[in-house]
Structures are given as structure tokens and as C-alpha cells.
Amino acid sequence: MNCDRKDFVLYAVTDRSWLGDKTLYSQVESALKGGVTFVQLREKELDDEEFLAEAKEIQKLCREYKVPFVINDNVEIAAEIGADGVHVGQSDMEAGDVRRKLGPDKIIGVSAQTVEQALRAQEHGADYLGVGAVFPTGSKADAVEVSHETLKEICRAVDIPVIAIGGISRNNVMELKGSGICGIAVISAVFAQKDVEEAAGKLKKQVEDMLA
């Protein structure tokens, strides 16, 4: 699947800790209605069978909205359902190994915190980078903070799209203006909000202003 830079404007990463009485499916649908441009399914607690069933459901939804759908870390499930791709961290499988498993036409995203990691990921065939945490975040206990200077250096060093992740909200998103990113990845800024659809819509407009 070919990815366009505009696919990365508002990249949503799922997190079931914000579900309350809702289903993940309904939350993702609300986010898509609000204008999310990319969805990553991130599950740390589900067993493979439940994860597989959920991945198929969310994939179907993303196809309806014509939005790229990738799976966090689980290359086997991504391959089994024919997801658009996978996102891996530095401690997971190398991008080149993922590419061999998934084939040439899948989207591979890699997390990076340094210019060196970013260049290595690009060299090994990554299609985009998730760089962060650009602000303090509560969503990931082991998140390393990346300075805005490093973010700019990474954007200058690579040719592939870079998205900023980590602690981004409507209150601080404009601080990323001029960094060279082509979008942001968020969890709580969309999924922890009372009205997910409205939160996604307002945030997307701000991101577009920031990127303009």
C-alpha cells in the first residue's frame, strides 16, 4: 500500500484503558468520523485469539473509511489478516526482517529517538518514523523524551515521513510548528476525551494549521 504524507496528519493509536462503557470498535469509528487519517491497533493485554478477532473488526472499519491500518508489534497477526502494515519499536524486530515477512507492499513504521536510529530504520526499509516522546506522556511508562531540536535533526536527516508522538494535545501541538514533521500520533488526546469524534475533528484542524 502506498502511503501519502497526508495520511499521517492525525495518526491515532488505540488504547483500551479509556474505553469505559464503550467498545474499541465504536471509539475507533468515532475517531474516523472526526477525521483521523491513520489507525494503529495497539494491544498489550489481549491473547492472540481475541487480538485477531479485534484486528479483523478494526481493519474492516478502516477500509470503509479508506484509512491505513497497521498493527503494533505483532507481525504474525498483521500478516495473517493482511493488515496494511505494522509498527515496531527499537526493541522489536528490525524493519528489514519485518519487510521479509510482510512483503514489499506493506507499510512499516519504526519508533526512533535519535538520528542514528532514524537513519538505520530508513536504510532497512521503514516507510515512516514515529519520533518521541516529544512532550512528557503518561501513556507509555518507558517513554524517552526527545528534544524538539533532535526532532528537527531527524526530519532533516531522513527522506521518509516523520510523525511526532508522546504527550501531544491541543494545548501544545502548535509548539511543533516548523519541525519538519508531517503529522502527529496521539492516544489520549483523542481516545481519553468525552466526545472522541469532536476531539479528533478539532485536533485535526489544529494539526493542519500547524503544518501549513
C-alpha atoms as a PDB file:
ATOM      1  CA  MET A   1       0.000   0.000   0.000  1.00  0.00           C
ATOM      2  CA  ASN A   2       1.436   3.332  -0.987  1.00  0.00           C
ATOM      3  CA  CYS A   3       1.335   5.970   1.687  1.00  0.00           C
ATOM      4  CA  ASP A   4       0.951   9.627   1.100  1.00  0.00           C
ATOM      5  CA  ARG A   5       2.312  12.209   3.561  1.00  0.00           C
ATOM      6  CA  LYS A   6      -1.213  13.476   4.150  1.00  0.00           C
ATOM      7  CA  ASP A   7      -2.134  10.019   5.526  1.00  0.00           C
ATOM      8  CA  PHE A   8      -0.027  10.856   8.584  1.00  0.00           C
ATOM      9  CA  VAL A   9      -1.664  14.155   9.600  1.00  0.00           C
ATOM     10  CA  LEU A  10      -3.622  12.688  12.511  1.00  0.00           C
ATOM     11  CA  TYR A  11      -2.448   9.201  13.419  1.00  0.00           C
ATOM     12  CA  ALA A  12      -4.446   7.547  16.219  1.00  0.00           C
ATOM     13  CA  VAL A  13      -3.045   4.782  18.425  1.00  0.00           C
ATOM     14  CA  THR A  14      -5.690   2.738  20.231  1.00  0.00           C
ATOM     15  CA  ASP A  15      -5.698   2.222  23.982  1.00  0.00           C
ATOM     16  CA  ARG A  16      -8.412   0.252  25.711  1.00  0.00           C
ATOM     17  CA  SER A  17      -7.753   1.892  29.090  1.00  0.00           C
ATOM     18  CA  TRP A  18     -10.036   4.763  28.015  1.00  0.00           C
ATOM     19  CA  LEU A  19     -12.996   2.635  26.909  1.00  0.00           C
ATOM     20  CA  GLY A  20     -15.303   2.967  29.909  1.00  0.00           C
ATOM     21  CA  ASP A  21     -18.619   1.514  28.764  1.00  0.00           C
ATOM     22  CA  LYS A  22     -17.749   1.815  25.048  1.00  0.00           C
ATOM     23  CA  THR A  23     -16.254  -0.743  22.692  1.00  0.00           C
ATOM     24  CA  LEU A  24     -12.953  -0.191  20.925  1.00  0.00           C
ATOM     25  CA  TYR A  25     -14.817  -0.504  17.627  1.00  0.00           C
ATOM     26  CA  SER A  26     -17.178   2.368  18.475  1.00  0.00           C
ATOM     27  CA  GLN A  27     -14.303   4.543  19.726  1.00  0.00           C
ATOM     28  CA  VAL A  28     -12.271   3.989  16.560  1.00  0.00           C
ATOM     29  CA  GLU A  29     -15.336   4.678  14.431  1.00  0.00           C
ATOM     30  CA  SER A  30     -15.899   7.979  16.271  1.00  0.00           C
ATOM     31  CA  ALA A  31     -12.244   8.909  15.724  1.00  0.00           C
ATOM     32  CA  LEU A  32     -12.524   8.101  11.995  1.00  0.00           C
ATOM     33  CA  LYS A  33     -15.697  10.172  11.718  1.00  0.00           C
ATOM     34  CA  GLY A  34     -13.796  13.039  13.348  1.00  0.00           C
ATOM     35  CA  GLY A  35     -11.109  12.876  10.680  1.00  0.00           C
ATOM     36  CA  VAL A  36      -8.335  10.576  11.927  1.00  0.00           C
ATOM     37  CA  THR A  37      -6.139   9.733   8.905  1.00  0.00           C
ATOM     38  CA  PHE A  38      -4.294   6.615  10.130  1.00  0.00           C
ATOM     39  CA  VAL A  39      -5.005   3.952  12.790  1.00  0.00           C
ATOM     40  CA  GLN A  40      -2.584   1.792  14.752  1.00  0.00           C
ATOM     41  CA  LEU A  41      -4.049  -1.044  16.817  1.00  0.00           C
ATOM     42  CA  ARG A  42      -2.010  -1.384  19.997  1.00  0.00           C
ATOM     43  CA  GLU A  43      -2.839  -4.220  22.374  1.00  0.00           C
ATOM     44  CA  LYS A  44      -0.662  -5.339  25.225  1.00  0.00           C
ATOM     45  CA  GLU A  45      -3.137  -7.381  27.252  1.00  0.00           C
ATOM     46  CA  LEU A  46      -5.300  -9.432  24.864  1.00  0.00           C
ATOM     47  CA  ASP A  47      -4.498 -13.037  23.994  1.00  0.00           C
ATOM     48  CA  ASP A  48      -3.866 -13.850  20.333  1.00  0.00           C
ATOM     49  CA  GLU A  49      -7.357 -15.136  19.630  1.00  0.00           C
ATOM     50  CA  GLU A  50      -9.083 -12.011  20.981  1.00  0.00           C
ATOM     51  CA  PHE A  51      -6.494  -9.760  19.349  1.00  0.00           C
ATOM     52  CA  LEU A  52      -7.041 -11.461  15.984  1.00  0.00           C
ATOM     53  CA  ALA A  53     -10.835 -11.072  16.167  1.00  0.00           C
ATOM     54  CA  GLU A  54     -10.499  -7.417  17.177  1.00  0.00           C
ATOM     55  CA  ALA A  55      -7.897  -6.704  14.478  1.00  0.00           C
ATOM     56  CA  LYS A  56     -10.222  -8.060  11.779  1.00  0.00           C
ATOM     57  CA  GLU A  57     -13.079  -5.843  13.017  1.00  0.00           C
ATOM     58  CA  ILE A  58     -10.993  -2.662  13.181  1.00  0.00           C
ATOM     59  CA  GLN A  59      -9.397  -3.432   9.824  1.00  0.00           C
ATOM     60  CA  LYS A  60     -12.817  -3.690   8.180  1.00  0.00           C
ATOM     61  CA  LEU A  61     -13.780  -0.338   9.696  1.00  0.00           C
ATOM     62  CA  CYS A  62     -10.595   1.373   8.476  1.00  0.00           C
ATOM     63  CA  ARG A  63     -11.170   0.001   4.974  1.00  0.00           C
ATOM     64  CA  GLU A  64     -14.658   1.504   4.953  1.00  0.00           C
ATOM     65  CA  TYR A  65     -13.118   4.881   5.767  1.00  0.00           C
ATOM     66  CA  LYS A  66     -10.175   4.277   3.389  1.00  0.00           C
ATOM     67  CA  VAL A  67      -7.660   4.924   6.164  1.00  0.00           C
ATOM     68  CA  PRO A  68      -4.392   2.950   6.538  1.00  0.00           C
ATOM     69  CA  PHE A  69      -4.481   0.363   9.333  1.00  0.00           C
ATOM     70  CA  VAL A  70      -1.348  -1.018  10.993  1.00  0.00           C
ATOM     71  CA  ILE A  71      -0.752  -3.259  13.977  1.00  0.00           C
ATOM     72  CA  ASN A  72       1.675  -2.511  16.779  1.00  0.00           C
ATOM     73  CA  ASP A  73       4.483  -5.105  17.145  1.00  0.00           C
ATOM     74  CA  ASN A  74       2.506  -8.223  16.223  1.00  0.00           C
ATOM     75  CA  VAL A  75       3.891  -9.089  12.804  1.00  0.00           C
ATOM     76  CA  GLU A  76       2.211 -12.528  12.799  1.00  0.00           C
ATOM     77  CA  ILE A  77      -1.296 -11.102  13.201  1.00  0.00           C
ATOM     78  CA  ALA A  78      -0.573  -8.328  10.690  1.00  0.00           C
ATOM     79  CA  ALA A  79       0.490 -10.991   8.170  1.00  0.00           C
ATOM     80  CA  GLU A  80      -2.453 -13.272   8.947  1.00  0.00           C
ATOM     81  CA  ILE A  81      -5.152 -10.667   8.314  1.00  0.00           C
ATOM     82  CA  GLY A  82      -3.317  -8.801   5.561  1.00  0.00           C
ATOM     83  CA  ALA A  83      -3.177  -5.535   7.554  1.00  0.00           C
ATOM     84  CA  ASP A  84      -1.756  -2.532   5.697  1.00  0.00           C
ATOM     85  CA  GLY A  85       1.363  -2.846   7.805  1.00  0.00           C
ATOM     86  CA  VAL A  86       2.974  -2.915  11.199  1.00  0.00           C
ATOM     87  CA  HIS A  87       4.681  -0.516  13.609  1.00  0.00           C
ATOM     88  CA  VAL A  88       7.718  -1.732  15.549  1.00  0.00           C
ATOM     89  CA  GLY A  89       9.799  -0.249  18.337  1.00  0.00           C
ATOM     90  CA  GLN A  90      13.570  -0.259  18.707  1.00  0.00           C
ATOM     91  CA  SER A  91      13.500  -3.421  20.832  1.00  0.00           C
ATOM     92  CA  ASP A  92      11.251  -5.305  18.388  1.00  0.00           C
ATOM     93  CA  MET A  93      12.010  -6.866  15.030  1.00  0.00           C
ATOM     94  CA  GLU A  94      14.260  -4.913  12.617  1.00  0.00           C
ATOM     95  CA  ALA A  95      12.437  -3.219   9.726  1.00  0.00           C
ATOM     96  CA  GLY A  96      14.279  -5.399   7.198  1.00  0.00           C
ATOM     97  CA  ASP A  97      13.105  -8.608   8.907  1.00  0.00           C
ATOM     98  CA  VAL A  98       9.540  -7.270   9.059  1.00  0.00           C
ATOM     99  CA  ARG A  99       9.732  -6.456   5.352  1.00  0.00           C
ATOM    100  CA  ARG A 100      10.808 -10.028   4.539  1.00  0.00           C
ATOM    101  CA  LYS A 101       7.831 -11.378   6.474  1.00  0.00           C
ATOM    102  CA  LEU A 102       5.186  -8.977   5.186  1.00  0.00           C
ATOM    103  CA  GLY A 103       6.329  -8.361   1.620  1.00  0.00           C
ATOM    104  CA  PRO A 104       7.269  -5.275  -0.403  1.00  0.00           C
ATOM    105  CA  ASP A 105       3.903  -3.505  -0.472  1.00  0.00           C
ATOM    106  CA  LYS A 106       3.202  -3.198   3.271  1.00  0.00           C
ATOM    107  CA  ILE A 107       3.690  -0.093   5.425  1.00  0.00           C
ATOM    108  CA  ILE A 108       6.405  -0.422   8.041  1.00  0.00           C
ATOM    109  CA  GLY A 109       6.701   2.177  10.778  1.00  0.00           C
ATOM    110  CA  VAL A 110       9.569   2.307  13.254  1.00  0.00           C
ATOM    111  CA  SER A 111       9.931   4.220  16.532  1.00  0.00           C
ATOM    112  CA  ALA A 112      13.103   6.309  16.731  1.00  0.00           C
ATOM    113  CA  GLN A 113      14.639   8.592  19.349  1.00  0.00           C
ATOM    114  CA  THR A 114      17.938   9.519  17.673  1.00  0.00           C
ATOM    115  CA  VAL A 115      19.212  10.484  14.216  1.00  0.00           C
ATOM    116  CA  GLU A 116      21.246   7.261  14.154  1.00  0.00           C
ATOM    117  CA  GLN A 117      18.165   5.095  14.836  1.00  0.00           C
ATOM    118  CA  ALA A 118      16.176   7.052  12.253  1.00  0.00           C
ATOM    119  CA  LEU A 119      18.793   6.590   9.527  1.00  0.00           C
ATOM    120  CA  ARG A 120      19.144   2.888  10.317  1.00  0.00           C
ATOM    121  CA  ALA A 121      15.374   2.370  10.142  1.00  0.00           C
ATOM    122  CA  GLN A 122      15.221   4.180   6.790  1.00  0.00           C
ATOM    123  CA  GLU A 123      18.124   2.107   5.469  1.00  0.00           C
ATOM    124  CA  HIS A 124      16.332  -1.101   6.489  1.00  0.00           C
ATOM    125  CA  GLY A 125      13.194  -0.156   4.599  1.00  0.00           C
ATOM    126  CA  ALA A 126      10.974   1.715   7.060  1.00  0.00           C
ATOM    127  CA  ASP A 127       8.208   3.742   5.361  1.00  0.00           C
ATOM    128  CA  TYR A 128       7.787   6.247   8.185  1.00  0.00           C
ATOM    129  CA  LEU A 129       9.123   7.053  11.653  1.00  0.00           C
ATOM    130  CA  GLY A 130       7.348   7.717  14.924  1.00  0.00           C
ATOM    131  CA  VAL A 131       9.597  10.036  16.947  1.00  0.00           C
ATOM    132  CA  GLY A 132       9.114  10.806  20.606  1.00  0.00           C
ATOM    133  CA  ALA A 133       8.156  11.334  23.282  1.00  0.00           C
ATOM    134  CA  VAL A 134       8.159  14.994  22.225  1.00  0.00           C
ATOM    135  CA  PHE A 135       6.339  16.013  25.433  1.00  0.00           C
ATOM    136  CA  PRO A 136       6.037  14.208  28.795  1.00  0.00           C
ATOM    137  CA  THR A 137       3.488  11.403  28.460  1.00  0.00           C
ATOM    138  CA  GLY A 138       1.516   9.164  30.755  1.00  0.00           C
ATOM    139  CA  SER A 139       0.542   6.649  28.060  1.00  0.00           C
ATOM    140  CA  LYS A 140       3.875   4.858  27.972  1.00  0.00           C
ATOM    141  CA  ALA A 141       5.779   4.226  31.186  1.00  0.00           C
ATOM    142  CA  ASP A 142       9.165   3.717  29.489  1.00  0.00           C
ATOM    143  CA  ALA A 143       8.917   6.645  27.047  1.00  0.00           C
ATOM    144  CA  VAL A 144      12.167   8.527  26.473  1.00  0.00           C
ATOM    145  CA  GLU A 145      11.828  12.254  25.891  1.00  0.00           C
ATOM    146  CA  VAL A 146      13.153  13.597  22.591  1.00  0.00           C
ATOM    147  CA  SER A 147      14.052  17.300  22.356  1.00  0.00           C
ATOM    148  CA  HIS A 148      12.466  19.416  19.650  1.00  0.00           C
ATOM    149  CA  GLU A 149      15.982  20.045  18.311  1.00  0.00           C
ATOM    150  CA  THR A 150      16.520  16.278  17.873  1.00  0.00           C
ATOM    151  CA  LEU A 151      13.112  16.004  16.221  1.00  0.00           C
ATOM    152  CA  LYS A 152      14.154  18.664  13.675  1.00  0.00           C
ATOM    153  CA  GLU A 153      17.510  16.935  13.097  1.00  0.00           C
ATOM    154  CA  ILE A 154      15.750  13.623  12.412  1.00  0.00           C
ATOM    155  CA  CYS A 155      13.351  15.292   9.965  1.00  0.00           C
ATOM    156  CA  ARG A 156      16.300  16.840   8.144  1.00  0.00           C
ATOM    157  CA  ALA A 157      18.282  13.572   8.093  1.00  0.00           C
ATOM    158  CA  VAL A 158      15.686  11.259   6.529  1.00  0.00           C
ATOM    159  CA  ASP A 159      13.576  11.290   3.364  1.00  0.00           C
ATOM    160  CA  ILE A 160      10.652   9.303   4.786  1.00  0.00           C
ATOM    161  CA  PRO A 161       7.704  10.871   6.655  1.00  0.00           C
ATOM    162  CA  VAL A 162       8.233  11.613  10.355  1.00  0.00           C
ATOM    163  CA  ILE A 163       5.406  11.832  12.858  1.00  0.00           C
ATOM    164  CA  ALA A 164       5.798  13.189  16.369  1.00  0.00           C
ATOM    165  CA  ILE A 165       4.370  11.186  19.257  1.00  0.00           C
ATOM    166  CA  GLY A 166       4.179  11.482  23.025  1.00  0.00           C
ATOM    167  CA  GLY A 167       2.145  13.795  25.206  1.00  0.00           C
ATOM    168  CA  ILE A 168       0.752  15.831  22.304  1.00  0.00           C
ATOM    169  CA  SER A 169      -2.509  17.665  22.980  1.00  0.00           C
ATOM    170  CA  ARG A 170      -4.469  20.613  21.649  1.00  0.00           C
ATOM    171  CA  ASN A 171      -2.636  22.772  24.200  1.00  0.00           C
ATOM    172  CA  ASN A 172       0.885  22.107  22.913  1.00  0.00           C
ATOM    173  CA  VAL A 173       0.570  20.927  19.290  1.00  0.00           C
ATOM    174  CA  MET A 174       1.440  24.365  17.855  1.00  0.00           C
ATOM    175  CA  GLU A 175       4.870  24.144  19.539  1.00  0.00           C
ATOM    176  CA  LEU A 176       5.790  21.570  16.880  1.00  0.00           C
ATOM    177  CA  LYS A 177       5.394  24.085  14.043  1.00  0.00           C
ATOM    178  CA  GLY A 178       8.413  24.221  11.736  1.00  0.00           C
ATOM    179  CA  SER A 179       9.901  20.953  12.975  1.00  0.00           C
ATOM    180  CA  GLY A 180       9.574  19.200   9.618  1.00  0.00           C
ATOM    181  CA  ILE A 181       7.078  16.538  10.734  1.00  0.00           C
ATOM    182  CA  CYS A 182       4.146  15.609   8.522  1.00  0.00           C
ATOM    183  CA  GLY A 183       1.734  14.745  11.330  1.00  0.00           C
ATOM    184  CA  ILE A 184       1.234  13.669  14.918  1.00  0.00           C
ATOM    185  CA  ALA A 185       0.371  10.400  16.632  1.00  0.00           C
ATOM    186  CA  VAL A 186      -1.909  10.587  19.646  1.00  0.00           C
ATOM    187  CA  ILE A 187      -3.627   8.308  22.123  1.00  0.00           C
ATOM    188  CA  SER A 188      -5.276  10.195  24.976  1.00  0.00           C
ATOM    189  CA  ALA A 189      -5.745  13.471  23.037  1.00  0.00           C
ATOM    190  CA  VAL A 190      -8.424  11.592  21.089  1.00  0.00           C
ATOM    191  CA  PHE A 191      -9.428   8.439  22.967  1.00  0.00           C
ATOM    192  CA  ALA A 192      -9.491   9.854  26.501  1.00  0.00           C
ATOM    193  CA  GLN A 193     -11.877  12.661  25.520  1.00  0.00           C
ATOM    194  CA  LYS A 194     -15.580  12.597  26.321  1.00  0.00           C
ATOM    195  CA  ASP A 195     -16.526  13.228  22.685  1.00  0.00           C
ATOM    196  CA  VAL A 196     -13.953  11.326  20.620  1.00  0.00           C
ATOM    197  CA  GLU A 197     -15.313  12.483  17.265  1.00  0.00           C
ATOM    198  CA  GLU A 198     -15.279  16.156  18.241  1.00  0.00           C
ATOM    199  CA  ALA A 199     -11.804  15.850  19.820  1.00  0.00           C
ATOM    200  CA  ALA A 200     -10.421  14.294  16.621  1.00  0.00           C
ATOM    201  CA  GLY A 201     -12.010  16.966  14.440  1.00  0.00           C
ATOM    202  CA  LYS A 202     -10.697  19.897  16.483  1.00  0.00           C
ATOM    203  CA  LEU A 203      -7.225  18.408  16.832  1.00  0.00           C
ATOM    204  CA  LYS A 204      -7.001  17.657  13.117  1.00  0.00           C
ATOM    205  CA  LYS A 205      -7.781  21.266  12.272  1.00  0.00           C
ATOM    206  CA  GLN A 206      -5.040  22.429  14.648  1.00  0.00           C
ATOM    207  CA  VAL A 207      -2.538  19.994  13.128  1.00  0.00           C
ATOM    208  CA  GLU A 208      -3.356  21.245   9.647  1.00  0.00           C
ATOM    209  CA  ASP A 209      -2.785  24.827  10.853  1.00  0.00           C
ATOM    210  CA  MET A 210       0.499  23.772  12.480  1.00  0.00           C
ATOM    211  CA  LEU A 211       1.682  22.069   9.279  1.00  0.00           C
ATOM    212  CA  ALA A 212       0.635  24.946   6.995  1.00  0.00           C
END
